[in-house]
């Protein structure tokens, strides 16, 4: 199992707890309206960012299942974060920061940075300044 899959499953579990919290704290109509607003906005953004091979066949090449799935996940995430911010703001912000910092995108970027030798160059420079 890849890190990205494990990360996604872990944070989907945390998000489902947040959605459950939202259903306990808010009315179902409020949960539904926040979810639908976030899901539609995210899906529209993803649709606008989808690559098009040719202008005339752009709608035929869009991966609808991927866009809708990501929109639903983003909508559930917004509901979970909003409910957490509403009930426990001291816990919600560190939880969001942990999700972002542990994301596969950030971990890949840090790994690329480490492999490129940027870390070694920074260590050599700091060691050189410490001698003087």
C-alpha atoms as a PDB file:
ATOM      1  CA  UNK A   1       0.000   0.000   0.000  1.00  0.00           C
ATOM      2  CA  UNK A   2       1.433   3.358  -0.979  1.00  0.00           C
ATOM      3  CA  UNK A   3       1.869   6.285   1.368  1.00  0.00           C
ATOM      4  CA  UNK A   4      -0.695   8.342  -0.546  1.00  0.00           C
ATOM      5  CA  UNK A   5      -3.333   5.624  -0.165  1.00  0.00           C
ATOM      6  CA  UNK A   6      -2.617   5.203   3.530  1.00  0.00           C
ATOM      7  CA  UNK A   7      -2.697   8.978   4.050  1.00  0.00           C
ATOM      8  CA  UNK A   8      -6.015   9.295   2.210  1.00  0.00           C
ATOM      9  CA  UNK A   9      -7.641   6.465   4.166  1.00  0.00           C
ATOM     10  CA  UNK A  10      -6.427   7.815   7.495  1.00  0.00           C
ATOM     11  CA  UNK A  11      -7.679  11.342   6.844  1.00  0.00           C
ATOM     12  CA  UNK A  12     -10.980  10.051   5.426  1.00  0.00           C
ATOM     13  CA  UNK A  13     -11.505   8.292   8.742  1.00  0.00           C
ATOM     14  CA  UNK A  14     -10.720  11.494  10.642  1.00  0.00           C
ATOM     15  CA  UNK A  15     -13.001  13.427   8.287  1.00  0.00           C
ATOM     16  CA  UNK A  16     -15.869  11.012   8.808  1.00  0.00           C
ATOM     17  CA  UNK A  17     -15.580  11.593  12.551  1.00  0.00           C
ATOM     18  CA  UNK A  18     -15.774  15.322  11.831  1.00  0.00           C
ATOM     19  CA  UNK A  19     -18.872  14.861   9.667  1.00  0.00           C
ATOM     20  CA  UNK A  20     -20.454  12.829  12.465  1.00  0.00           C
ATOM     21  CA  UNK A  21     -19.643  15.660  14.841  1.00  0.00           C
ATOM     22  CA  UNK A  22     -21.276  18.105  12.437  1.00  0.00           C
ATOM     23  CA  UNK A  23     -24.434  16.000  12.361  1.00  0.00           C
ATOM     24  CA  UNK A  24     -24.525  16.045  16.162  1.00  0.00           C
ATOM     25  CA  UNK A  25     -23.894  19.783  16.520  1.00  0.00           C
ATOM     26  CA  UNK A  26     -25.683  21.280  13.508  1.00  0.00           C
ATOM     27  CA  UNK A  27     -29.024  20.628  11.909  1.00  0.00           C
ATOM     28  CA  UNK A  28     -28.984  18.216   8.966  1.00  0.00           C
ATOM     29  CA  UNK A  29     -30.046  21.032   6.636  1.00  0.00           C
ATOM     30  CA  UNK A  30     -27.011  23.105   7.632  1.00  0.00           C
ATOM     31  CA  UNK A  31     -24.695  20.135   7.127  1.00  0.00           C
ATOM     32  CA  UNK A  32     -26.217  19.448   3.731  1.00  0.00           C
ATOM     33  CA  UNK A  33     -25.988  23.075   2.593  1.00  0.00           C
ATOM     34  CA  UNK A  34     -22.324  23.421   3.643  1.00  0.00           C
ATOM     35  CA  UNK A  35     -21.490  20.069   2.038  1.00  0.00           C
ATOM     36  CA  UNK A  36     -23.221  20.816  -1.261  1.00  0.00           C
ATOM     37  CA  UNK A  37     -21.748  24.310  -1.509  1.00  0.00           C
ATOM     38  CA  UNK A  38     -18.206  23.071  -0.920  1.00  0.00           C
ATOM     39  CA  UNK A  39     -18.591  20.021  -3.177  1.00  0.00           C
ATOM     40  CA  UNK A  40     -20.008  22.015  -6.085  1.00  0.00           C
ATOM     41  CA  UNK A  41     -17.389  24.786  -5.756  1.00  0.00           C
ATOM     42  CA  UNK A  42     -14.539  22.282  -5.622  1.00  0.00           C
ATOM     43  CA  UNK A  43     -15.927  20.295  -8.553  1.00  0.00           C
ATOM     44  CA  UNK A  44     -16.257  23.457 -10.635  1.00  0.00           C
ATOM     45  CA  UNK A  45     -12.670  24.454  -9.830  1.00  0.00           C
ATOM     46  CA  UNK A  46     -11.410  20.998 -10.758  1.00  0.00           C
ATOM     47  CA  UNK A  47     -13.437  21.103 -13.963  1.00  0.00           C
ATOM     48  CA  UNK A  48     -11.868  24.423 -14.908  1.00  0.00           C
ATOM     49  CA  UNK A  49      -8.383  23.046 -14.166  1.00  0.00           C
ATOM     50  CA  UNK A  50      -8.917  19.823 -16.127  1.00  0.00           C
ATOM     51  CA  UNK A  51      -6.608  19.606 -19.134  1.00  0.00           C
ATOM     52  CA  UNK A  52      -8.264  19.652 -22.528  1.00  0.00           C
ATOM     53  CA  UNK A  53      -6.657  18.022 -25.543  1.00  0.00           C
ATOM     54  CA  UNK A  54      -8.668  19.906 -28.134  1.00  0.00           C
ATOM     55  CA  UNK A  55     -11.074  22.806 -27.615  1.00  0.00           C
ATOM     56  CA  UNK A  56     -13.940  21.088 -29.443  1.00  0.00           C
ATOM     57  CA  UNK A  57     -13.718  17.806 -27.533  1.00  0.00           C
ATOM     58  CA  UNK A  58     -12.847  19.200 -24.113  1.00  0.00           C
ATOM     59  CA  UNK A  59     -16.002  17.964 -22.410  1.00  0.00           C
ATOM     60  CA  UNK A  60     -15.568  14.434 -23.774  1.00  0.00           C
ATOM     61  CA  UNK A  61     -12.075  14.032 -22.285  1.00  0.00           C
ATOM     62  CA  UNK A  62     -12.858  15.217 -18.750  1.00  0.00           C
ATOM     63  CA  UNK A  63     -12.575  12.555 -16.048  1.00  0.00           C
ATOM     64  CA  UNK A  64     -16.005  13.090 -14.506  1.00  0.00           C
ATOM     65  CA  UNK A  65     -15.742  10.319 -11.920  1.00  0.00           C
ATOM     66  CA  UNK A  66     -12.463  11.713 -10.574  1.00  0.00           C
ATOM     67  CA  UNK A  67     -13.815  15.278 -10.417  1.00  0.00           C
ATOM     68  CA  UNK A  68     -17.030  14.269  -8.658  1.00  0.00           C
ATOM     69  CA  UNK A  69     -15.188  12.016  -6.192  1.00  0.00           C
ATOM     70  CA  UNK A  70     -12.713  14.726  -5.288  1.00  0.00           C
ATOM     71  CA  UNK A  71     -15.530  17.255  -4.979  1.00  0.00           C
ATOM     72  CA  UNK A  72     -17.425  15.002  -2.574  1.00  0.00           C
ATOM     73  CA  UNK A  73     -14.300  14.376  -0.499  1.00  0.00           C
ATOM     74  CA  UNK A  74     -13.526  18.094  -0.390  1.00  0.00           C
ATOM     75  CA  UNK A  75     -17.121  18.865   0.629  1.00  0.00           C
ATOM     76  CA  UNK A  76     -16.947  16.347   3.458  1.00  0.00           C
ATOM     77  CA  UNK A  77     -13.605  17.793   4.513  1.00  0.00           C
ATOM     78  CA  UNK A  78     -15.013  21.305   4.646  1.00  0.00           C
ATOM     79  CA  UNK A  79     -17.926  20.083   6.778  1.00  0.00           C
ATOM     80  CA  UNK A  80     -15.545  18.244   9.115  1.00  0.00           C
ATOM     81  CA  UNK A  81     -13.183  21.202   9.489  1.00  0.00           C
ATOM     82  CA  UNK A  82     -16.066  23.639   9.968  1.00  0.00           C
ATOM     83  CA  UNK A  83     -17.667  21.512  12.665  1.00  0.00           C
ATOM     84  CA  UNK A  84     -14.317  21.047  14.394  1.00  0.00           C
ATOM     85  CA  UNK A  85     -13.635  24.792  14.255  1.00  0.00           C
ATOM     86  CA  UNK A  86     -17.078  25.422  15.688  1.00  0.00           C
ATOM     87  CA  UNK A  87     -16.723  23.031  18.629  1.00  0.00           C
ATOM     88  CA  UNK A  88     -12.965  22.733  19.285  1.00  0.00           C
ATOM     89  CA  UNK A  89     -10.979  25.529  17.595  1.00  0.00           C
ATOM     90  CA  UNK A  90      -7.859  24.788  19.643  1.00  0.00           C
ATOM     91  CA  UNK A  91      -7.750  21.273  18.174  1.00  0.00           C
ATOM     92  CA  UNK A  92      -8.974  21.966  14.629  1.00  0.00           C
ATOM     93  CA  UNK A  93      -6.138  24.186  13.426  1.00  0.00           C
ATOM     94  CA  UNK A  94      -3.312  21.834  14.499  1.00  0.00           C
ATOM     95  CA  UNK A  95      -5.248  18.945  12.948  1.00  0.00           C
ATOM     96  CA  UNK A  96      -5.527  20.770   9.613  1.00  0.00           C
ATOM     97  CA  UNK A  97      -1.838  21.714   9.805  1.00  0.00           C
ATOM     98  CA  UNK A  98      -0.934  18.075  10.448  1.00  0.00           C
ATOM     99  CA  UNK A  99      -3.013  16.958   7.464  1.00  0.00           C
ATOM    100  CA  UNK A 100      -1.306  19.468   5.181  1.00  0.00           C
ATOM    101  CA  UNK A 101       2.232  18.821   6.433  1.00  0.00           C
ATOM    102  CA  UNK A 102       1.832  15.052   6.182  1.00  0.00           C
ATOM    103  CA  UNK A 103       0.218  15.155   2.732  1.00  0.00           C
ATOM    104  CA  UNK A 104       1.880  13.111  -0.009  1.00  0.00           C
ATOM    105  CA  UNK A 105       2.535  16.261  -2.041  1.00  0.00           C
ATOM    106  CA  UNK A 106       4.516  17.900   0.791  1.00  0.00           C
ATOM    107  CA  UNK A 107       6.332  14.668   1.647  1.00  0.00           C
ATOM    108  CA  UNK A 108       7.319  14.202  -2.016  1.00  0.00           C
ATOM    109  CA  UNK A 109       8.598  17.776  -2.235  1.00  0.00           C
ATOM    110  CA  UNK A 110      10.668  17.341   0.931  1.00  0.00           C
ATOM    111  CA  UNK A 111      12.075  14.083  -0.411  1.00  0.00           C
ATOM    112  CA  UNK A 112      13.029  15.748  -3.708  1.00  0.00           C
ATOM    113  CA  UNK A 113      14.643  18.596  -1.789  1.00  0.00           C
ATOM    114  CA  UNK A 114      16.591  16.125   0.348  1.00  0.00           C
ATOM    115  CA  UNK A 115      17.734  14.150  -2.695  1.00  0.00           C
ATOM    116  CA  UNK A 116      18.858  17.261  -4.521  1.00  0.00           C
ATOM    117  CA  UNK A 117      21.449  17.924  -1.866  1.00  0.00           C
ATOM    118  CA  UNK A 118      19.931  21.178  -0.689  1.00  0.00           C
ATOM    119  CA  UNK A 119      19.977  19.887   2.847  1.00  0.00           C
ATOM    120  CA  UNK A 120      23.671  19.004   2.664  1.00  0.00           C
ATOM    121  CA  UNK A 121      24.521  22.410   1.223  1.00  0.00           C
ATOM    122  CA  UNK A 122      22.641  24.116   4.035  1.00  0.00           C
ATOM    123  CA  UNK A 123      24.485  22.017   6.614  1.00  0.00           C
ATOM    124  CA  UNK A 124      27.863  22.841   5.097  1.00  0.00           C
ATOM    125  CA  UNK A 125      27.069  26.533   5.007  1.00  0.00           C
ATOM    126  CA  UNK A 126      25.871  26.555   8.614  1.00  0.00           C
ATOM    127  CA  UNK A 127      28.936  24.567   9.724  1.00  0.00           C
ATOM    128  CA  UNK A 128      31.196  26.991   7.854  1.00  0.00           C
ATOM    129  CA  UNK A 129      29.644  29.982   9.580  1.00  0.00           C
ATOM    130  CA  UNK A 130      29.892  28.325  12.978  1.00  0.00           C
ATOM    131  CA  UNK A 131      33.710  28.035  12.738  1.00  0.00           C
ATOM    132  CA  UNK A 132      34.353  31.745  12.364  1.00  0.00           C
END
